[in-house]
Amino acid sequence: MRVIGMATDLEAQLELGKPGGDSFESFYRSQRKTLIDLAYVVSGSRTGAEDLAQEALVAAYRSWDDIRSKDNPSAWVRRILLNKASSAYRRRLAEAKAFARRGKDVDSVPFPNVTGEADQILAEVRRLPRRQTQVIALAYLEGLRPSEIATVLGISPKSVSTHLRRARQTLSNRLNLEEPP
């Protein structure tokens, strides 16, 4: 589902003081950029990242009365965003397979161009298994500790450490880097 124009609508509602209140407005303003950045790391598309972040924020807005009472509303929104990113990836993969079955050019499915060192690293991060990509993004982009990542993803801290270790090893091998301590 593409949410073109929704950001403007939601921002307009907040500006006019309609439902959502100051606490959601504050949450929205403080989280929007980091959510877009997180979505970009896992999706590889700036436009797609903005859509994913907006979808997660719209879901938060619709359930704000319940979410604001949670211990960590931002963890809830990040989990929604990562779930939506996984769903979008599965959809693109299914579309690519359908194109292939019909004999169409699979390259017509939009994937980001990889240029420069940072883009190469991000491309390698995106090639990791889904959970490893999520853990790396939350650890390095968001700067979250393993216990915080575990809360966002709904998994144990030990599982986070395992995914993080495996992702680091894979990235180290693929990028010909020394393995981090």
N, C-alpha and C. Protein backbone atom coordinates (compact mmCIF):
# COMPACT_ATOMS: atom_id res chain seq x y z
N MET A 1 0.85 -1.17 0.00
CA MET A 1 0.00 0.00 0.00
C MET A 1 0.89 1.23 0.00
N ARG A 2 0.68 2.09 -0.91
CA ARG A 2 1.44 3.32 -1.00
C ARG A 2 0.66 4.44 -0.34
N VAL A 3 1.34 5.27 0.42
CA VAL A 3 0.66 6.29 1.21
C VAL A 3 1.02 7.69 0.73
N ILE A 4 0.99 7.89 -0.55
CA ILE A 4 1.34 9.19 -1.10
C ILE A 4 0.33 10.22 -0.62
N GLY A 5 0.85 11.34 -0.13
CA GLY A 5 -0.01 12.41 0.32
C GLY A 5 -0.45 12.29 1.77
N MET A 6 -0.26 11.12 2.38
CA MET A 6 -0.71 10.93 3.74
C MET A 6 0.10 11.77 4.72
N ALA A 7 1.41 11.94 4.46
CA ALA A 7 2.24 12.73 5.36
C ALA A 7 1.68 14.15 5.47
N THR A 8 1.32 14.73 4.35
CA THR A 8 0.78 16.08 4.35
C THR A 8 -0.52 16.13 5.12
N ASP A 9 -1.39 15.13 4.93
CA ASP A 9 -2.66 15.09 5.64
C ASP A 9 -2.45 14.99 7.14
N LEU A 10 -1.57 14.08 7.57
CA LEU A 10 -1.32 13.90 8.99
C LEU A 10 -0.69 15.14 9.58
N GLU A 11 0.29 15.72 8.88
CA GLU A 11 0.92 16.94 9.38
C GLU A 11 -0.10 18.07 9.47
N ALA A 12 -0.99 18.15 8.51
CA ALA A 12 -2.02 19.20 8.54
C ALA A 12 -2.94 19.01 9.74
N GLN A 13 -3.33 17.76 10.01
CA GLN A 13 -4.19 17.50 11.17
C GLN A 13 -3.49 17.91 12.46
N LEU A 14 -2.22 17.60 12.56
CA LEU A 14 -1.47 17.95 13.76
C LEU A 14 -1.34 19.46 13.90
N GLU A 15 -1.07 20.13 12.79
CA GLU A 15 -0.92 21.58 12.81
C GLU A 15 -2.22 22.25 13.26
N LEU A 16 -3.35 21.69 12.85
CA LEU A 16 -4.64 22.29 13.17
C LEU A 16 -5.13 21.90 14.57
N GLY A 17 -4.35 21.07 15.26
CA GLY A 17 -4.74 20.68 16.62
C GLY A 17 -5.87 19.68 16.66
N LYS A 18 -6.06 18.92 15.59
CA LYS A 18 -7.11 17.90 15.58
C LYS A 18 -6.66 16.71 16.40
N PRO A 19 -7.45 15.63 16.43
CA PRO A 19 -7.11 14.49 17.29
C PRO A 19 -5.67 14.05 17.12
N GLY A 20 -5.10 13.62 18.21
CA GLY A 20 -3.72 13.19 18.21
C GLY A 20 -2.97 13.92 19.31
N GLY A 21 -3.33 15.16 19.53
CA GLY A 21 -2.79 15.93 20.63
C GLY A 21 -1.31 16.21 20.55
N ASP A 22 -0.86 17.01 21.51
CA ASP A 22 0.54 17.41 21.55
C ASP A 22 1.48 16.24 21.75
N SER A 23 1.09 15.25 22.54
CA SER A 23 2.00 14.15 22.80
C SER A 23 2.29 13.35 21.53
N PHE A 24 1.30 13.12 20.68
CA PHE A 24 1.58 12.43 19.43
C PHE A 24 2.39 13.33 18.50
N GLU A 25 2.05 14.61 18.47
CA GLU A 25 2.81 15.54 17.63
C GLU A 25 4.28 15.53 18.03
N SER A 26 4.54 15.57 19.31
CA SER A 26 5.91 15.54 19.80
C SER A 26 6.59 14.22 19.41
N PHE A 27 5.87 13.13 19.59
CA PHE A 27 6.40 11.82 19.21
C PHE A 27 6.70 11.78 17.71
N TYR A 28 5.77 12.23 16.93
CA TYR A 28 5.92 12.25 15.47
C TYR A 28 7.16 13.03 15.05
N ARG A 29 7.28 14.22 15.58
CA ARG A 29 8.40 15.09 15.21
C ARG A 29 9.75 14.51 15.67
N SER A 30 9.77 13.87 16.82
CA SER A 30 11.04 13.33 17.32
C SER A 30 11.43 12.01 16.66
N GLN A 31 10.46 11.27 16.13
CA GLN A 31 10.75 9.94 15.60
C GLN A 31 10.78 9.85 14.08
N ARG A 32 10.16 10.75 13.38
CA ARG A 32 10.00 10.64 11.92
C ARG A 32 11.32 10.42 11.18
N LYS A 33 12.31 11.25 11.42
CA LYS A 33 13.57 11.14 10.68
C LYS A 33 14.29 9.82 10.98
N THR A 34 14.35 9.44 12.24
CA THR A 34 15.04 8.19 12.56
C THR A 34 14.30 6.98 12.00
N LEU A 35 12.98 7.05 11.94
CA LEU A 35 12.22 5.96 11.34
C LEU A 35 12.49 5.87 9.84
N ILE A 36 12.58 7.01 9.17
CA ILE A 36 12.90 7.01 7.74
C ILE A 36 14.29 6.44 7.52
N ASP A 37 15.24 6.85 8.34
CA ASP A 37 16.60 6.33 8.21
C ASP A 37 16.64 4.82 8.42
N LEU A 38 15.95 4.33 9.43
CA LEU A 38 15.89 2.89 9.70
C LEU A 38 15.25 2.16 8.51
N ALA A 39 14.16 2.70 8.01
CA ALA A 39 13.48 2.08 6.87
C ALA A 39 14.37 2.08 5.63
N TYR A 40 15.17 3.13 5.45
CA TYR A 40 16.07 3.18 4.30
C TYR A 40 17.13 2.09 4.39
N VAL A 41 17.68 1.90 5.58
CA VAL A 41 18.70 0.87 5.73
C VAL A 41 18.14 -0.51 5.39
N VAL A 42 16.93 -0.81 5.82
CA VAL A 42 16.38 -2.15 5.56
C VAL A 42 15.74 -2.28 4.19
N SER A 43 15.33 -1.17 3.58
CA SER A 43 14.64 -1.27 2.29
C SER A 43 15.50 -0.89 1.09
N GLY A 44 16.41 0.05 1.27
CA GLY A 44 17.26 0.49 0.18
C GLY A 44 16.63 1.53 -0.73
N SER A 45 15.47 1.98 -0.39
CA SER A 45 14.77 2.96 -1.22
C SER A 45 14.37 4.15 -0.37
N ARG A 46 14.80 5.35 -0.75
CA ARG A 46 14.45 6.54 0.02
C ARG A 46 12.94 6.77 -0.02
N THR A 47 12.34 6.66 -1.19
CA THR A 47 10.89 6.84 -1.30
C THR A 47 10.16 5.77 -0.52
N GLY A 48 10.61 4.52 -0.69
CA GLY A 48 9.99 3.42 0.04
C GLY A 48 10.15 3.60 1.54
N ALA A 49 11.29 4.14 1.95
CA ALA A 49 11.55 4.36 3.38
C ALA A 49 10.57 5.39 3.95
N GLU A 50 10.34 6.44 3.19
CA GLU A 50 9.40 7.45 3.65
C GLU A 50 7.99 6.87 3.77
N ASP A 51 7.62 6.04 2.80
CA ASP A 51 6.31 5.40 2.85
C ASP A 51 6.19 4.46 4.05
N LEU A 52 7.23 3.66 4.29
CA LEU A 52 7.22 2.72 5.42
C LEU A 52 7.12 3.47 6.75
N ALA A 53 7.92 4.51 6.89
CA ALA A 53 7.88 5.29 8.13
C ALA A 53 6.51 5.92 8.31
N GLN A 54 5.95 6.43 7.23
CA GLN A 54 4.64 7.06 7.33
C GLN A 54 3.56 6.05 7.69
N GLU A 55 3.63 4.86 7.11
CA GLU A 55 2.65 3.82 7.45
C GLU A 55 2.74 3.45 8.92
N ALA A 56 3.95 3.33 9.44
CA ALA A 56 4.13 3.00 10.86
C ALA A 56 3.60 4.13 11.75
N LEU A 57 3.86 5.37 11.35
CA LEU A 57 3.37 6.50 12.14
C LEU A 57 1.85 6.64 12.06
N VAL A 58 1.27 6.32 10.92
CA VAL A 58 -0.19 6.34 10.80
C VAL A 58 -0.80 5.28 11.71
N ALA A 59 -0.18 4.09 11.75
CA ALA A 59 -0.66 3.04 12.64
C ALA A 59 -0.57 3.50 14.10
N ALA A 60 0.52 4.20 14.43
CA ALA A 60 0.68 4.72 15.80
C ALA A 60 -0.39 5.79 16.09
N TYR A 61 -0.64 6.64 15.13
CA TYR A 61 -1.64 7.69 15.31
C TYR A 61 -3.03 7.10 15.57
N ARG A 62 -3.35 6.07 14.81
CA ARG A 62 -4.67 5.44 14.95
C ARG A 62 -4.85 4.76 16.31
N SER A 63 -3.75 4.30 16.89
CA SER A 63 -3.81 3.59 18.17
C SER A 63 -3.10 4.37 19.28
N TRP A 64 -2.97 5.66 19.13
CA TRP A 64 -2.14 6.43 20.04
C TRP A 64 -2.56 6.31 21.50
N ASP A 65 -3.86 6.25 21.78
CA ASP A 65 -4.30 6.14 23.17
C ASP A 65 -3.73 4.89 23.85
N ASP A 66 -3.64 3.79 23.10
CA ASP A 66 -3.07 2.56 23.64
C ASP A 66 -1.55 2.60 23.65
N ILE A 67 -0.96 3.13 22.60
CA ILE A 67 0.49 3.10 22.44
C ILE A 67 1.19 4.01 23.44
N ARG A 68 0.66 5.18 23.68
CA ARG A 68 1.36 6.13 24.55
C ARG A 68 1.47 5.60 25.98
N SER A 69 0.63 4.65 26.36
CA SER A 69 0.72 4.08 27.71
C SER A 69 1.75 2.96 27.81
N LYS A 70 2.30 2.54 26.66
CA LYS A 70 3.32 1.48 26.67
C LYS A 70 4.62 2.03 27.26
N ASP A 71 5.46 1.10 27.76
CA ASP A 71 6.75 1.50 28.33
C ASP A 71 7.62 2.18 27.29
N ASN A 72 7.55 1.70 26.04
CA ASN A 72 8.43 2.22 25.00
C ASN A 72 7.67 2.32 23.68
N PRO A 73 6.91 3.40 23.48
CA PRO A 73 6.14 3.54 22.24
C PRO A 73 7.01 3.49 20.98
N SER A 74 8.24 4.01 21.04
CA SER A 74 9.08 4.00 19.86
C SER A 74 9.47 2.58 19.47
N ALA A 75 9.62 1.68 20.44
CA ALA A 75 9.92 0.28 20.12
C ALA A 75 8.74 -0.33 19.36
N TRP A 76 7.52 -0.01 19.78
CA TRP A 76 6.33 -0.53 19.11
C TRP A 76 6.29 -0.06 17.66
N VAL A 77 6.56 1.21 17.45
CA VAL A 77 6.51 1.77 16.09
C VAL A 77 7.63 1.18 15.23
N ARG A 78 8.80 0.98 15.80
CA ARG A 78 9.90 0.36 15.04
C ARG A 78 9.57 -1.08 14.66
N ARG A 79 8.94 -1.80 15.56
CA ARG A 79 8.54 -3.17 15.23
C ARG A 79 7.54 -3.17 14.08
N ILE A 80 6.57 -2.26 14.11
CA ILE A 80 5.60 -2.15 13.02
C ILE A 80 6.33 -1.83 11.72
N LEU A 81 7.25 -0.87 11.77
CA LEU A 81 7.99 -0.48 10.57
C LEU A 81 8.77 -1.68 10.00
N LEU A 82 9.46 -2.41 10.85
CA LEU A 82 10.26 -3.55 10.38
C LEU A 82 9.36 -4.65 9.82
N ASN A 83 8.20 -4.87 10.43
CA ASN A 83 7.26 -5.85 9.90
C ASN A 83 6.74 -5.42 8.53
N LYS A 84 6.45 -4.13 8.38
CA LYS A 84 5.98 -3.63 7.09
C LYS A 84 7.08 -3.72 6.03
N ALA A 85 8.33 -3.46 6.44
CA ALA A 85 9.46 -3.58 5.51
C ALA A 85 9.61 -5.03 5.05
N SER A 86 9.45 -5.98 5.96
CA SER A 86 9.53 -7.40 5.59
C SER A 86 8.41 -7.78 4.63
N SER A 87 7.23 -7.28 4.91
CA SER A 87 6.09 -7.56 4.02
C SER A 87 6.32 -6.97 2.64
N ALA A 88 6.84 -5.74 2.60
CA ALA A 88 7.11 -5.09 1.31
C ALA A 88 8.17 -5.87 0.54
N TYR A 89 9.19 -6.35 1.23
CA TYR A 89 10.24 -7.14 0.57
C TYR A 89 9.65 -8.43 -0.01
N ARG A 90 8.82 -9.11 0.78
CA ARG A 90 8.19 -10.35 0.29
C ARG A 90 7.31 -10.05 -0.93
N ARG A 91 6.62 -8.93 -0.91
CA ARG A 91 5.79 -8.54 -2.04
C ARG A 91 6.63 -8.31 -3.29
N ARG A 92 7.76 -7.57 -3.13
CA ARG A 92 8.65 -7.32 -4.28
C ARG A 92 9.23 -8.62 -4.80
N LEU A 93 9.58 -9.53 -3.91
CA LEU A 93 10.12 -10.82 -4.31
C LEU A 93 9.07 -11.61 -5.08
N ALA A 94 7.85 -11.63 -4.60
CA ALA A 94 6.77 -12.33 -5.30
C ALA A 94 6.52 -11.70 -6.66
N GLU A 95 6.57 -10.38 -6.75
CA GLU A 95 6.40 -9.70 -8.03
C GLU A 95 7.52 -10.07 -8.99
N ALA A 96 8.75 -10.10 -8.48
CA ALA A 96 9.90 -10.47 -9.33
C ALA A 96 9.74 -11.89 -9.86
N LYS A 97 9.28 -12.79 -9.00
CA LYS A 97 9.07 -14.18 -9.43
C LYS A 97 7.96 -14.25 -10.47
N ALA A 98 6.91 -13.46 -10.27
CA ALA A 98 5.82 -13.44 -11.25
C ALA A 98 6.30 -12.91 -12.59
N PHE A 99 7.12 -11.85 -12.56
CA PHE A 99 7.70 -11.32 -13.81
C PHE A 99 8.53 -12.40 -14.50
N ALA A 100 9.32 -13.11 -13.71
CA ALA A 100 10.18 -14.16 -14.28
C ALA A 100 9.34 -15.26 -14.90
N ARG A 101 8.26 -15.66 -14.24
CA ARG A 101 7.39 -16.71 -14.80
C ARG A 101 6.74 -16.27 -16.10
N ARG A 102 6.46 -15.00 -16.21
CA ARG A 102 5.82 -14.48 -17.42
C ARG A 102 6.83 -14.12 -18.50
N GLY A 103 8.11 -14.30 -18.19
CA GLY A 103 9.14 -14.02 -19.19
C GLY A 103 9.50 -12.56 -19.29
N LYS A 104 9.08 -11.76 -18.33
CA LYS A 104 9.42 -10.34 -18.35
C LYS A 104 10.80 -10.15 -17.73
N ASP A 105 11.36 -8.98 -17.94
CA ASP A 105 12.67 -8.64 -17.42
C ASP A 105 12.58 -8.38 -15.93
N VAL A 106 13.24 -9.22 -15.13
CA VAL A 106 13.21 -9.08 -13.68
C VAL A 106 13.86 -7.77 -13.26
N ASP A 107 14.79 -7.24 -14.07
CA ASP A 107 15.45 -5.99 -13.72
C ASP A 107 14.49 -4.81 -13.73
N SER A 108 13.28 -5.00 -14.25
CA SER A 108 12.33 -3.89 -14.25
C SER A 108 11.76 -3.64 -12.85
N VAL A 109 11.98 -4.59 -11.91
CA VAL A 109 11.56 -4.36 -10.53
C VAL A 109 12.59 -3.42 -9.90
N PRO A 110 12.16 -2.27 -9.38
CA PRO A 110 13.11 -1.27 -8.93
C PRO A 110 13.88 -1.68 -7.68
N PHE A 111 15.19 -1.72 -7.78
CA PHE A 111 16.09 -1.91 -6.66
C PHE A 111 17.11 -0.79 -6.72
N PRO A 112 17.67 -0.40 -5.59
CA PRO A 112 18.57 0.75 -5.60
C PRO A 112 19.87 0.48 -6.34
N ASN A 113 20.42 1.52 -6.92
CA ASN A 113 21.75 1.44 -7.52
C ASN A 113 22.77 1.54 -6.41
N VAL A 114 23.82 0.74 -6.52
CA VAL A 114 24.84 0.75 -5.49
C VAL A 114 26.06 1.49 -6.02
N THR A 115 26.38 2.60 -5.38
CA THR A 115 27.58 3.36 -5.74
C THR A 115 28.23 3.86 -4.47
N GLY A 116 29.52 3.95 -4.47
CA GLY A 116 30.24 4.46 -3.31
C GLY A 116 30.37 3.44 -2.20
N GLU A 117 31.28 3.71 -1.28
CA GLU A 117 31.57 2.79 -0.19
C GLU A 117 30.38 2.61 0.75
N ALA A 118 29.73 3.69 1.14
CA ALA A 118 28.60 3.59 2.06
C ALA A 118 27.47 2.80 1.44
N ASP A 119 27.18 3.05 0.16
CA ASP A 119 26.13 2.31 -0.52
C ASP A 119 26.49 0.84 -0.66
N GLN A 120 27.77 0.54 -0.84
CA GLN A 120 28.19 -0.85 -0.93
C GLN A 120 27.96 -1.55 0.40
N ILE A 121 28.29 -0.88 1.48
CA ILE A 121 28.08 -1.47 2.81
C ILE A 121 26.59 -1.68 3.04
N LEU A 122 25.77 -0.67 2.72
CA LEU A 122 24.32 -0.81 2.90
C LEU A 122 23.76 -1.93 2.03
N ALA A 123 24.27 -2.06 0.83
CA ALA A 123 23.81 -3.14 -0.05
C ALA A 123 24.13 -4.49 0.56
N GLU A 124 25.30 -4.61 1.16
CA GLU A 124 25.67 -5.88 1.81
C GLU A 124 24.82 -6.13 3.05
N VAL A 125 24.51 -5.08 3.79
CA VAL A 125 23.63 -5.23 4.95
C VAL A 125 22.27 -5.74 4.51
N ARG A 126 21.76 -5.21 3.40
CA ARG A 126 20.45 -5.63 2.89
C ARG A 126 20.45 -7.07 2.38
N ARG A 127 21.62 -7.58 2.02
CA ARG A 127 21.73 -8.96 1.54
C ARG A 127 21.71 -9.97 2.68
N LEU A 128 21.90 -9.49 3.90
CA LEU A 128 21.86 -10.37 5.06
C LEU A 128 20.45 -10.93 5.25
N PRO A 129 20.32 -12.03 6.00
CA PRO A 129 18.97 -12.48 6.34
C PRO A 129 18.21 -11.35 7.05
N ARG A 130 16.90 -11.37 6.91
CA ARG A 130 16.04 -10.29 7.39
C ARG A 130 16.33 -9.89 8.84
N ARG A 131 16.37 -10.84 9.74
CA ARG A 131 16.56 -10.51 11.15
C ARG A 131 17.95 -9.89 11.40
N GLN A 132 18.97 -10.39 10.69
CA GLN A 132 20.30 -9.82 10.84
C GLN A 132 20.34 -8.38 10.33
N THR A 133 19.67 -8.11 9.22
CA THR A 133 19.59 -6.74 8.71
C THR A 133 18.93 -5.83 9.74
N GLN A 134 17.86 -6.30 10.34
CA GLN A 134 17.15 -5.51 11.33
C GLN A 134 18.03 -5.23 12.55
N VAL A 135 18.74 -6.25 13.03
CA VAL A 135 19.59 -6.09 14.21
C VAL A 135 20.73 -5.11 13.92
N ILE A 136 21.36 -5.25 12.76
CA ILE A 136 22.45 -4.34 12.39
C ILE A 136 21.93 -2.91 12.29
N ALA A 137 20.79 -2.71 11.66
CA ALA A 137 20.23 -1.36 11.51
C ALA A 137 19.92 -0.75 12.87
N LEU A 138 19.31 -1.52 13.75
CA LEU A 138 18.96 -0.99 15.07
C LEU A 138 20.19 -0.74 15.93
N ALA A 139 21.21 -1.58 15.78
CA ALA A 139 22.42 -1.41 16.60
C ALA A 139 23.26 -0.23 16.13
N TYR A 140 23.48 -0.14 14.82
CA TYR A 140 24.42 0.87 14.32
C TYR A 140 23.75 2.16 13.90
N LEU A 141 22.57 2.10 13.33
CA LEU A 141 21.89 3.33 12.93
C LEU A 141 21.22 3.99 14.13
N GLU A 142 20.48 3.18 14.88
CA GLU A 142 19.74 3.71 16.02
C GLU A 142 20.58 3.77 17.28
N GLY A 143 21.67 3.00 17.33
CA GLY A 143 22.53 2.99 18.51
C GLY A 143 21.90 2.30 19.70
N LEU A 144 21.01 1.34 19.44
CA LEU A 144 20.33 0.65 20.53
C LEU A 144 21.20 -0.46 21.11
N ARG A 145 21.05 -0.70 22.42
CA ARG A 145 21.73 -1.80 23.09
C ARG A 145 20.97 -3.09 22.79
N PRO A 146 21.63 -4.25 22.94
CA PRO A 146 20.95 -5.52 22.66
C PRO A 146 19.62 -5.70 23.40
N SER A 147 19.54 -5.25 24.64
CA SER A 147 18.28 -5.38 25.37
C SER A 147 17.18 -4.53 24.73
N GLU A 148 17.55 -3.35 24.22
CA GLU A 148 16.58 -2.49 23.55
C GLU A 148 16.16 -3.08 22.20
N ILE A 149 17.12 -3.65 21.49
CA ILE A 149 16.81 -4.30 20.21
C ILE A 149 15.87 -5.47 20.45
N ALA A 150 16.13 -6.22 21.51
CA ALA A 150 15.26 -7.35 21.85
C ALA A 150 13.82 -6.90 22.08
N THR A 151 13.67 -5.76 22.74
CA THR A 151 12.33 -5.21 22.98
C THR A 151 11.65 -4.82 21.67
N VAL A 152 12.39 -4.15 20.79
CA VAL A 152 11.82 -3.73 19.51
C VAL A 152 11.38 -4.93 18.68
N LEU A 153 12.24 -5.96 18.62
CA LEU A 153 11.98 -7.10 17.74
C LEU A 153 11.16 -8.21 18.40
N GLY A 154 10.99 -8.13 19.71
CA GLY A 154 10.24 -9.16 20.41
C GLY A 154 10.99 -10.49 20.48
N ILE A 155 12.32 -10.42 20.61
CA ILE A 155 13.14 -11.62 20.72
C ILE A 155 14.04 -11.48 21.94
N SER A 156 14.75 -12.53 22.31
CA SER A 156 15.60 -12.47 23.50
C SER A 156 16.90 -11.72 23.21
N PRO A 157 17.50 -11.12 24.24
CA PRO A 157 18.79 -10.45 24.06
C PRO A 157 19.87 -11.41 23.55
N LYS A 158 19.81 -12.66 23.97
CA LYS A 158 20.78 -13.65 23.49
C LYS A 158 20.63 -13.87 21.99
N SER A 159 19.39 -13.91 21.52
CA SER A 159 19.13 -14.06 20.09
C SER A 159 19.66 -12.84 19.33
N VAL A 160 19.48 -11.66 19.91
CA VAL A 160 20.01 -10.43 19.30
C VAL A 160 21.52 -10.55 19.15
N SER A 161 22.20 -10.99 20.22
CA SER A 161 23.66 -11.12 20.17
C SER A 161 24.09 -12.13 19.11
N THR A 162 23.35 -13.21 18.97
CA THR A 162 23.68 -14.21 17.95
C THR A 162 23.53 -13.63 16.56
N HIS A 163 22.42 -12.95 16.30
CA HIS A 163 22.19 -12.33 14.99
C HIS A 163 23.25 -11.27 14.70
N LEU A 164 23.60 -10.49 15.70
CA LEU A 164 24.60 -9.44 15.54
C LEU A 164 25.97 -10.05 15.23
N ARG A 165 26.34 -11.09 15.95
CA ARG A 165 27.63 -11.75 15.71
C ARG A 165 27.70 -12.34 14.31
N ARG A 166 26.64 -13.03 13.91
CA ARG A 166 26.62 -13.64 12.56
C ARG A 166 26.64 -12.58 11.47
N ALA A 167 25.90 -11.50 11.67
CA ALA A 167 25.88 -10.42 10.67
C ALA A 167 27.25 -9.78 10.54
N ARG A 168 27.89 -9.52 11.67
CA ARG A 168 29.23 -8.92 11.64
C ARG A 168 30.22 -9.83 10.90
N GLN A 169 30.14 -11.13 11.19
CA GLN A 169 31.04 -12.09 10.54
C GLN A 169 30.81 -12.10 9.03
N THR A 170 29.56 -12.16 8.63
CA THR A 170 29.24 -12.18 7.20
C THR A 170 29.70 -10.90 6.52
N LEU A 171 29.42 -9.75 7.13
CA LEU A 171 29.82 -8.48 6.54
C LEU A 171 31.35 -8.37 6.48
N SER A 172 32.00 -8.84 7.51
CA SER A 172 33.45 -8.82 7.54
C SER A 172 34.03 -9.63 6.37
N ASN A 173 33.47 -10.80 6.14
CA ASN A 173 33.93 -11.64 5.04
C ASN A 173 33.62 -11.02 3.68
N ARG A 174 32.41 -10.53 3.51
CA ARG A 174 32.00 -9.97 2.22
C ARG A 174 32.75 -8.69 1.87
N LEU A 175 33.05 -7.90 2.86
CA LEU A 175 33.69 -6.60 2.63
C LEU A 175 35.20 -6.65 2.84
N ASN A 176 35.72 -7.85 3.10
CA ASN A 176 37.16 -8.05 3.33
C ASN A 176 37.68 -7.15 4.43
N LEU A 177 36.98 -7.14 5.54
CA LEU A 177 37.37 -6.32 6.68
C LEU A 177 37.87 -7.23 7.80
N GLU A 178 38.61 -6.63 8.71
CA GLU A 178 38.97 -7.37 9.90
C GLU A 178 37.72 -7.49 10.74
N GLU A 179 37.55 -8.67 11.34
CA GLU A 179 36.37 -8.87 12.16
C GLU A 179 36.43 -7.98 13.39
N PRO A 180 35.30 -7.33 13.73
CA PRO A 180 35.28 -6.45 14.90
C PRO A 180 35.49 -7.27 16.17
N PRO A 181 36.05 -6.63 17.20
CA PRO A 181 36.30 -7.35 18.46
C PRO A 181 35.04 -7.80 19.13
